[in-house]
Amino acid sequence: MSLDGPAVGASVHYRRKRRARGEQRISRIVRAAEELLADAGVQAVGTNAIARRAGTSPGSLSQYFNVCRAYFS
């Protein structure tokens, strides 16, 4: 059985696309947090507001970041 077949190539391609989407989502989350901090200050920033501004779910924030500690460190 060869590991050089199309299934292996497709798998690598899929992982690269998935990684790129994850990196884009992380960039949107960080940008949204920075914008909210600049606009409203720390008191107004929460996970729901960041997720809403980033166009993602609050669960995505905890998937990519240790919530709160990662945002403000």
Protein backbone atom coordinates (compact mmCIF):
# COMPACT_ATOMS: atom_id res chain seq x y z
CA MET A 1 0.00 0.00 0.00
CA SER A 2 1.45 3.32 -1.07
CA LEU A 3 1.20 6.48 0.98
CA ASP A 4 1.80 8.62 -2.10
CA GLY A 5 -1.73 8.29 -3.48
CA PRO A 6 -4.30 11.04 -3.90
CA ALA A 7 -5.88 10.40 -0.50
CA VAL A 8 -2.70 11.47 1.29
CA GLY A 9 -2.35 14.58 -0.89
CA ALA A 10 -5.99 15.48 -0.31
CA SER A 11 -5.53 15.04 3.43
CA VAL A 12 -2.56 17.41 3.49
CA HIS A 13 -4.47 19.95 1.40
CA TYR A 14 -7.46 19.75 3.76
CA ARG A 15 -5.27 20.28 6.83
CA ARG A 16 -3.63 23.33 5.25
CA LYS A 17 -7.00 24.86 4.39
CA ARG A 18 -8.29 24.12 7.89
CA ARG A 19 -5.18 25.67 9.46
CA ALA A 20 -5.56 28.78 7.29
CA ARG A 21 -9.21 29.17 8.35
CA GLY A 22 -8.19 28.82 12.00
CA GLU A 23 -5.48 31.45 11.62
CA GLN A 24 -7.98 33.83 9.98
CA ARG A 25 -10.46 33.26 12.80
CA ILE A 26 -7.76 33.96 15.40
CA SER A 27 -6.85 37.20 13.61
CA ARG A 28 -10.50 38.29 13.57
CA ILE A 29 -10.86 37.52 17.30
CA VAL A 30 -7.71 39.45 18.26
CA ARG A 31 -8.68 42.40 16.05
CA ALA A 32 -12.19 42.46 17.55
CA ALA A 33 -10.81 42.42 21.11
CA GLU A 34 -8.38 45.25 20.30
CA GLU A 35 -11.14 47.33 18.72
CA LEU A 36 -13.50 46.82 21.65
CA LEU A 37 -10.79 47.70 24.15
CA ALA A 38 -9.98 50.87 22.24
CA ASP A 39 -13.64 51.83 21.80
CA ALA A 40 -15.13 50.97 25.17
CA GLY A 41 -12.38 49.97 27.61
CA VAL A 42 -11.87 46.86 29.67
CA GLN A 43 -15.18 47.13 31.53
CA ALA A 44 -17.21 46.75 28.34
CA VAL A 45 -15.27 43.84 26.85
CA GLY A 46 -16.64 40.35 27.29
CA THR A 47 -16.50 37.12 25.38
CA ASN A 48 -19.92 37.61 23.81
CA ALA A 49 -19.05 41.09 22.59
CA ILE A 50 -15.74 39.92 21.15
CA ALA A 51 -17.37 36.93 19.44
CA ARG A 52 -20.12 39.11 18.00
CA ARG A 53 -17.63 41.65 16.65
CA ALA A 54 -15.40 38.85 15.25
CA GLY A 55 -18.35 37.13 13.59
CA THR A 56 -17.81 33.85 15.42
CA SER A 57 -19.24 31.95 18.36
CA PRO A 58 -18.18 32.43 21.98
CA GLY A 59 -17.07 28.79 21.94
CA SER A 60 -14.45 29.64 19.32
CA LEU A 61 -12.84 32.04 21.76
CA SER A 62 -12.33 29.34 24.37
CA GLN A 63 -11.17 26.92 21.66
CA TYR A 64 -8.34 29.21 20.57
CA PHE A 65 -7.59 31.11 23.78
CA ASN A 66 -7.54 30.57 27.50
CA VAL A 67 -10.40 33.04 27.93
CA CYS A 68 -9.58 36.34 29.63
CA ARG A 69 -5.95 35.55 30.40
CA ALA A 70 -5.02 35.43 26.71
CA TYR A 71 -7.00 38.54 25.82
CA PHE A 72 -5.43 40.83 28.36
CA SER A 73 -1.88 39.57 28.69
